[in-house]
């Protein structure tokens, strides 16, 4: 779990007015703020992207389906 990082933005989306990116774009799972809104119960900072640093060992064993969306 120490290699899992989260982002509040889609880091690959740079169309139109892209959100600035930097060293704080990705935050470790342990450091992600888990506070929730007082009324909604939703996270104040929604997770938009999940990434794993370097690699996911045994990924082929975890894949259920692959789709080509470049059609």
PDB file of N, CA and C in Angstrom:
ATOM      1  N   UNK A   1       0.808  -1.194   0.000  1.00  0.00           N
ATOM      2  CA  UNK A   1       0.000   0.000   0.000  1.00  0.00           C
ATOM      3  C   UNK A   1       0.852   1.259   0.000  1.00  0.00           C
ATOM      4  N   UNK A   2       2.103   1.172   0.351  1.00  0.00           N
ATOM      5  CA  UNK A   2       2.958   2.362   0.403  1.00  0.00           C
ATOM      6  C   UNK A   2       3.270   2.911  -0.988  1.00  0.00           C
ATOM      7  N   UNK A   3       2.962   2.149  -2.042  1.00  0.00           N
ATOM      8  CA  UNK A   3       3.208   2.621  -3.410  1.00  0.00           C
ATOM      9  C   UNK A   3       1.969   3.210  -4.059  1.00  0.00           C
ATOM     10  N   UNK A   4       0.830   3.157  -3.376  1.00  0.00           N
ATOM     11  CA  UNK A   4      -0.406   3.715  -3.913  1.00  0.00           C
ATOM     12  C   UNK A   4      -0.424   5.216  -3.674  1.00  0.00           C
ATOM     13  N   UNK A   5      -0.715   5.980  -4.738  1.00  0.00           N
ATOM     14  CA  UNK A   5      -0.832   7.425  -4.630  1.00  0.00           C
ATOM     15  C   UNK A   5      -2.158   7.864  -5.248  1.00  0.00           C
ATOM     16  N   UNK A   6      -2.690   8.970  -4.744  1.00  0.00           N
ATOM     17  CA  UNK A   6      -3.985   9.469  -5.170  1.00  0.00           C
ATOM     18  C   UNK A   6      -3.855  10.904  -5.675  1.00  0.00           C
ATOM     19  N   UNK A   7      -4.781  11.292  -6.547  1.00  0.00           N
ATOM     20  CA  UNK A   7      -4.784  12.651  -7.076  1.00  0.00           C
ATOM     21  C   UNK A   7      -6.209  13.181  -7.112  1.00  0.00           C
ATOM     22  N   UNK A   8      -6.362  14.484  -6.906  1.00  0.00           N
ATOM     23  CA  UNK A   8      -7.683  15.107  -6.967  1.00  0.00           C
ATOM     24  C   UNK A   8      -8.022  15.531  -8.388  1.00  0.00           C
ATOM     25  N   UNK A   9      -7.069  15.339  -9.334  1.00  0.00           N
ATOM     26  CA  UNK A   9      -7.296  15.683 -10.737  1.00  0.00           C
ATOM     27  C   UNK A   9      -6.926  14.506 -11.632  1.00  0.00           C
ATOM     28  N   UNK A  10      -7.409  14.530 -12.865  1.00  0.00           N
ATOM     29  CA  UNK A  10      -6.984  13.575 -13.877  1.00  0.00           C
ATOM     30  C   UNK A  10      -5.669  14.115 -14.428  1.00  0.00           C
ATOM     31  N   UNK A  11      -4.561  13.519 -14.060  1.00  0.00           N
ATOM     32  CA  UNK A  11      -3.249  14.069 -14.417  1.00  0.00           C
ATOM     33  C   UNK A  11      -2.962  14.018 -15.912  1.00  0.00           C
ATOM     34  N   UNK A  12      -3.688  13.198 -16.647  1.00  0.00           N
ATOM     35  CA  UNK A  12      -3.466  13.090 -18.081  1.00  0.00           C
ATOM     36  C   UNK A  12      -4.300  14.061 -18.901  1.00  0.00           C
ATOM     37  N   UNK A  13      -5.268  14.703 -18.289  1.00  0.00           N
ATOM     38  CA  UNK A  13      -6.155  15.627 -19.009  1.00  0.00           C
ATOM     39  C   UNK A  13      -5.526  17.019 -19.036  1.00  0.00           C
ATOM     40  N   UNK A  14      -5.159  17.464 -20.215  1.00  0.00           N
ATOM     41  CA  UNK A  14      -4.533  18.783 -20.338  1.00  0.00           C
ATOM     42  C   UNK A  14      -5.210  19.626 -21.408  1.00  0.00           C
ATOM     43  N   UNK A  15      -6.465  19.327 -21.694  1.00  0.00           N
ATOM     44  CA  UNK A  15      -7.211  20.065 -22.699  1.00  0.00           C
ATOM     45  C   UNK A  15      -7.858  21.284 -22.022  1.00  0.00           C
ATOM     46  N   UNK A  16      -8.027  22.345 -22.769  1.00  0.00           N
ATOM     47  CA  UNK A  16      -8.634  23.587 -22.284  1.00  0.00           C
ATOM     48  C   UNK A  16      -7.763  24.211 -21.199  1.00  0.00           C
ATOM     49  N   UNK A  17      -8.282  24.484 -20.050  1.00  0.00           N
ATOM     50  CA  UNK A  17      -7.519  25.142 -18.994  1.00  0.00           C
ATOM     51  C   UNK A  17      -7.034  24.092 -17.998  1.00  0.00           C
ATOM     52  N   UNK A  18      -5.860  23.528 -18.252  1.00  0.00           N
ATOM     53  CA  UNK A  18      -5.383  22.448 -17.381  1.00  0.00           C
ATOM     54  C   UNK A  18      -5.048  22.932 -15.970  1.00  0.00           C
ATOM     55  N   UNK A  19      -5.346  22.088 -15.007  1.00  0.00           N
ATOM     56  CA  UNK A  19      -4.981  22.361 -13.628  1.00  0.00           C
ATOM     57  C   UNK A  19      -3.470  22.233 -13.496  1.00  0.00           C
ATOM     58  N   UNK A  20      -2.833  23.170 -12.814  1.00  0.00           N
ATOM     59  CA  UNK A  20      -1.371  23.058 -12.634  1.00  0.00           C
ATOM     60  C   UNK A  20      -0.997  21.747 -11.940  1.00  0.00           C
ATOM     61  N   UNK A  21       0.128  21.193 -12.355  1.00  0.00           N
ATOM     62  CA  UNK A  21       0.636  19.963 -11.769  1.00  0.00           C
ATOM     63  C   UNK A  21       1.984  20.240 -11.121  1.00  0.00           C
ATOM     64  N   UNK A  22       2.312  19.447 -10.119  1.00  0.00           N
ATOM     65  CA  UNK A  22       3.581  19.627  -9.436  1.00  0.00           C
ATOM     66  C   UNK A  22       3.862  18.453  -8.525  1.00  0.00           C
ATOM     67  N   UNK A  23       4.755  18.658  -7.590  1.00  0.00           N
ATOM     68  CA  UNK A  23       5.147  17.572  -6.687  1.00  0.00           C
ATOM     69  C   UNK A  23       4.022  17.149  -5.755  1.00  0.00           C
ATOM     70  N   UNK A  24       3.006  17.992  -5.616  1.00  0.00           N
ATOM     71  CA  UNK A  24       1.891  17.630  -4.738  1.00  0.00           C
ATOM     72  C   UNK A  24       0.661  17.143  -5.505  1.00  0.00           C
ATOM     73  N   UNK A  25       0.815  16.875  -6.811  1.00  0.00           N
ATOM     74  CA  UNK A  25      -0.308  16.359  -7.605  1.00  0.00           C
ATOM     75  C   UNK A  25      -0.752  15.006  -7.067  1.00  0.00           C
ATOM     76  N   UNK A  26       0.199  14.150  -6.734  1.00  0.00           N
ATOM     77  CA  UNK A  26      -0.104  12.838  -6.165  1.00  0.00           C
ATOM     78  C   UNK A  26       0.275  12.823  -4.695  1.00  0.00           C
ATOM     79  N   UNK A  27      -0.614  12.249  -3.890  1.00  0.00           N
ATOM     80  CA  UNK A  27      -0.420  12.178  -2.446  1.00  0.00           C
ATOM     81  C   UNK A  27      -0.491  10.714  -2.045  1.00  0.00           C
ATOM     82  N   UNK A  28       0.347  10.311  -1.120  1.00  0.00           N
ATOM     83  CA  UNK A  28       0.310   8.916  -0.674  1.00  0.00           C
ATOM     84  C   UNK A  28      -1.033   8.615  -0.028  1.00  0.00           C
ATOM     85  N   UNK A  29      -1.418   7.371  -0.075  1.00  0.00           N
ATOM     86  CA  UNK A  29      -2.675   6.930   0.514  1.00  0.00           C
ATOM     87  C   UNK A  29      -2.737   7.312   1.987  1.00  0.00           C
ATOM     88  N   UNK A  30      -1.631   7.167   2.682  1.00  0.00           N
ATOM     89  CA  UNK A  30      -1.583   7.482   4.112  1.00  0.00           C
ATOM     90  C   UNK A  30      -1.756   8.979   4.379  1.00  0.00           C
ATOM     91  N   UNK A  31      -1.325   9.823   3.447  1.00  0.00           N
ATOM     92  CA  UNK A  31      -1.392  11.271   3.645  1.00  0.00           C
ATOM     93  C   UNK A  31      -2.634  11.929   3.069  1.00  0.00           C
ATOM     94  N   UNK A  32      -3.496  11.151   2.393  1.00  0.00           N
ATOM     95  CA  UNK A  32      -4.700  11.731   1.797  1.00  0.00           C
ATOM     96  C   UNK A  32      -5.630  12.210   2.914  1.00  0.00           C
ATOM     97  N   UNK A  33      -6.126  13.452   2.814  1.00  0.00           N
ATOM     98  CA  UNK A  33      -7.038  13.936   3.865  1.00  0.00           C
ATOM     99  C   UNK A  33      -8.349  13.164   3.839  1.00  0.00           C
ATOM    100  N   UNK A  34      -8.751  12.638   4.957  1.00  0.00           N
ATOM    101  CA  UNK A  34      -9.958  11.813   4.992  1.00  0.00           C
ATOM    102  C   UNK A  34     -11.124  12.548   5.638  1.00  0.00           C
ATOM    103  N   UNK A  35     -11.029  13.890   5.700  1.00  0.00           N
ATOM    104  CA  UNK A  35     -12.125  14.652   6.272  1.00  0.00           C
ATOM    105  C   UNK A  35     -13.322  14.654   5.325  1.00  0.00           C
ATOM    106  N   UNK A  36     -14.492  14.736   5.899  1.00  0.00           N
ATOM    107  CA  UNK A  36     -15.708  14.731   5.091  1.00  0.00           C
ATOM    108  C   UNK A  36     -16.482  16.019   5.332  1.00  0.00           C
ATOM    109  N   UNK A  37     -17.312  16.348   4.370  1.00  0.00           N
ATOM    110  CA  UNK A  37     -18.141  17.541   4.498  1.00  0.00           C
ATOM    111  C   UNK A  37     -19.142  17.382   5.629  1.00  0.00           C
ATOM    112  N   UNK A  38     -19.517  18.483   6.283  1.00  0.00           N
ATOM    113  CA  UNK A  38     -20.388  18.402   7.454  1.00  0.00           C
ATOM    114  C   UNK A  38     -21.801  17.908   7.155  1.00  0.00           C
ATOM    115  N   UNK A  39     -22.285  18.134   5.933  1.00  0.00           N
ATOM    116  CA  UNK A  39     -23.656  17.744   5.636  1.00  0.00           C
ATOM    117  C   UNK A  39     -23.737  16.594   4.642  1.00  0.00           C
ATOM    118  N   UNK A  40     -22.869  16.619   3.660  1.00  0.00           N
ATOM    119  CA  UNK A  40     -22.989  15.637   2.592  1.00  0.00           C
ATOM    120  C   UNK A  40     -22.430  14.278   2.966  1.00  0.00           C
ATOM    121  N   UNK A  41     -21.453  14.250   3.865  1.00  0.00           N
ATOM    122  CA  UNK A  41     -20.790  12.999   4.185  1.00  0.00           C
ATOM    123  C   UNK A  41     -19.799  12.587   3.115  1.00  0.00           C
ATOM    124  N   UNK A  42     -19.644  13.430   2.082  1.00  0.00           N
ATOM    125  CA  UNK A  42     -18.708  13.139   0.997  1.00  0.00           C
ATOM    126  C   UNK A  42     -17.331  13.697   1.348  1.00  0.00           C
ATOM    127  N   UNK A  43     -16.318  13.088   0.770  1.00  0.00           N
ATOM    128  CA  UNK A  43     -14.967  13.595   0.970  1.00  0.00           C
ATOM    129  C   UNK A  43     -14.870  15.014   0.434  1.00  0.00           C
ATOM    130  N   UNK A  44     -14.219  15.898   1.180  1.00  0.00           N
ATOM    131  CA  UNK A  44     -14.016  17.265   0.713  1.00  0.00           C
ATOM    132  C   UNK A  44     -13.111  17.259  -0.520  1.00  0.00           C
ATOM    133  N   UNK A  45     -12.157  16.374  -0.539  1.00  0.00           N
ATOM    134  CA  UNK A  45     -11.277  16.225  -1.698  1.00  0.00           C
ATOM    135  C   UNK A  45     -11.537  14.861  -2.297  1.00  0.00           C
ATOM    136  N   UNK A  46     -12.236  14.845  -3.411  1.00  0.00           N
ATOM    137  CA  UNK A  46     -12.565  13.577  -4.044  1.00  0.00           C
ATOM    138  C   UNK A  46     -11.342  12.985  -4.732  1.00  0.00           C
ATOM    139  N   UNK A  47     -11.240  11.676  -4.693  1.00  0.00           N
ATOM    140  CA  UNK A  47     -10.180  10.975  -5.403  1.00  0.00           C
ATOM    141  C   UNK A  47     -10.608  10.856  -6.860  1.00  0.00           C
ATOM    142  N   UNK A  48      -9.775  11.358  -7.779  1.00  0.00           N
ATOM    143  CA  UNK A  48     -10.082  11.302  -9.201  1.00  0.00           C
ATOM    144  C   UNK A  48      -9.174  10.303  -9.911  1.00  0.00           C
ATOM    145  N   UNK A  49      -7.964  10.129  -9.394  1.00  0.00           N
ATOM    146  CA  UNK A  49      -7.009   9.219 -10.030  1.00  0.00           C
ATOM    147  C   UNK A  49      -6.264   8.423  -8.967  1.00  0.00           C
ATOM    148  N   UNK A  50      -6.094   7.144  -9.232  1.00  0.00           N
ATOM    149  CA  UNK A  50      -5.320   6.251  -8.370  1.00  0.00           C
ATOM    150  C   UNK A  50      -4.171   5.718  -9.210  1.00  0.00           C
ATOM    151  N   UNK A  51      -2.981   5.747  -8.662  1.00  0.00           N
ATOM    152  CA  UNK A  51      -1.811   5.238  -9.383  1.00  0.00           C
ATOM    153  C   UNK A  51      -0.972   4.391  -8.430  1.00  0.00           C
ATOM    154  N   UNK A  52      -0.191   3.510  -9.024  1.00  0.00           N
ATOM    155  CA  UNK A  52       0.738   2.680  -8.255  1.00  0.00           C
ATOM    156  C   UNK A  52       2.127   2.978  -8.786  1.00  0.00           C
ATOM    157  N   UNK A  53       3.019   3.357  -7.892  1.00  0.00           N
ATOM    158  CA  UNK A  53       4.390   3.674  -8.294  1.00  0.00           C
ATOM    159  C   UNK A  53       5.096   2.422  -8.813  1.00  0.00           C
ATOM    160  N   UNK A  54       5.813   2.579  -9.900  1.00  0.00           N
ATOM    161  CA  UNK A  54       6.671   1.567 -10.517  1.00  0.00           C
ATOM    162  C   UNK A  54       5.916   0.453 -11.228  1.00  0.00           C
ATOM    163  N   UNK A  55       5.270  -0.438 -10.509  1.00  0.00           N
ATOM    164  CA  UNK A  55       4.581  -1.544 -11.175  1.00  0.00           C
ATOM    165  C   UNK A  55       3.617  -2.232 -10.212  1.00  0.00           C
ATOM    166  N   UNK A  56       2.757  -3.073 -10.772  1.00  0.00           N
ATOM    167  CA  UNK A  56       1.853  -3.906  -9.978  1.00  0.00           C
ATOM    168  C   UNK A  56       2.249  -5.350 -10.256  1.00  0.00           C
ATOM    169  N   UNK A  57       2.959  -5.973  -9.328  1.00  0.00           N
ATOM    170  CA  UNK A  57       3.370  -7.358  -9.544  1.00  0.00           C
ATOM    171  C   UNK A  57       2.159  -8.268  -9.770  1.00  0.00           C
ATOM    172  N   UNK A  58       2.245  -9.131 -10.757  1.00  0.00           N
ATOM    173  CA  UNK A  58       1.176 -10.077 -11.045  1.00  0.00           C
ATOM    174  C   UNK A  58      -0.055  -9.433 -11.662  1.00  0.00           C
ATOM    175  N   UNK A  59       0.117  -8.292 -12.317  1.00  0.00           N
ATOM    176  CA  UNK A  59      -1.021  -7.570 -12.890  1.00  0.00           C
ATOM    177  C   UNK A  59      -1.822  -8.429 -13.864  1.00  0.00           C
ATOM    178  N   UNK A  60      -1.164  -9.230 -14.654  1.00  0.00           N
ATOM    179  CA  UNK A  60      -1.868 -10.077 -15.631  1.00  0.00           C
ATOM    180  C   UNK A  60      -2.871 -10.994 -14.944  1.00  0.00           C
ATOM    181  N   UNK A  61      -2.590 -11.406 -13.721  1.00  0.00           N
ATOM    182  CA  UNK A  61      -3.504 -12.269 -12.985  1.00  0.00           C
ATOM    183  C   UNK A  61      -4.724 -11.508 -12.467  1.00  0.00           C
ATOM    184  N   UNK A  62      -4.641 -10.179 -12.420  1.00  0.00           N
ATOM    185  CA  UNK A  62      -5.727  -9.355 -11.887  1.00  0.00           C
ATOM    186  C   UNK A  62      -6.658  -8.812 -12.966  1.00  0.00           C
ATOM    187  N   UNK A  63      -6.204  -8.816 -14.218  1.00  0.00           N
ATOM    188  CA  UNK A  63      -6.980  -8.224 -15.308  1.00  0.00           C
ATOM    189  C   UNK A  63      -8.149  -9.124 -15.683  1.00  0.00           C
ATOM    190  N   UNK A  64      -9.321  -8.519 -15.753  1.00  0.00           N
ATOM    191  CA  UNK A  64     -10.522  -9.246 -16.133  1.00  0.00           C
ATOM    192  C   UNK A  64     -10.845  -9.020 -17.597  1.00  0.00           C
ATOM    193  N   UNK A  65     -10.646  -7.783 -18.077  1.00  0.00           N
ATOM    194  CA  UNK A  65     -10.999  -7.428 -19.454  1.00  0.00           C
ATOM    195  C   UNK A  65     -10.129  -6.266 -19.895  1.00  0.00           C
ATOM    196  N   UNK A  66      -9.876  -6.184 -21.199  1.00  0.00           N
ATOM    197  CA  UNK A  66      -9.134  -5.081 -21.786  1.00  0.00           C
ATOM    198  C   UNK A  66      -9.951  -4.552 -22.949  1.00  0.00           C
ATOM    199  N   UNK A  67     -10.116  -3.221 -23.001  1.00  0.00           N
ATOM    200  CA  UNK A  67     -10.899  -2.598 -24.063  1.00  0.00           C
ATOM    201  C   UNK A  67     -10.038  -1.577 -24.782  1.00  0.00           C
ATOM    202  N   UNK A  68     -10.155  -1.535 -26.082  1.00  0.00           N
ATOM    203  CA  UNK A  68      -9.475  -0.537 -26.889  1.00  0.00           C
ATOM    204  C   UNK A  68     -10.454   0.609 -27.106  1.00  0.00           C
ATOM    205  N   UNK A  69     -10.172   1.763 -26.541  1.00  0.00           N
ATOM    206  CA  UNK A  69     -11.072   2.902 -26.661  1.00  0.00           C
ATOM    207  C   UNK A  69     -10.616   3.888 -27.727  1.00  0.00           C
ATOM    208  N   UNK A  70      -9.639   3.513 -28.523  1.00  0.00           N
ATOM    209  CA  UNK A  70      -9.081   4.402 -29.532  1.00  0.00           C
ATOM    210  C   UNK A  70      -9.738   4.232 -30.900  1.00  0.00           C
ATOM    211  N   UNK A  71     -10.941   3.734 -30.956  1.00  0.00           N
ATOM    212  CA  UNK A  71     -11.611   3.488 -32.229  1.00  0.00           C
ATOM    213  C   UNK A  71     -12.211   4.748 -32.788  1.00  0.00           C
TER     214      UNK A  71
END
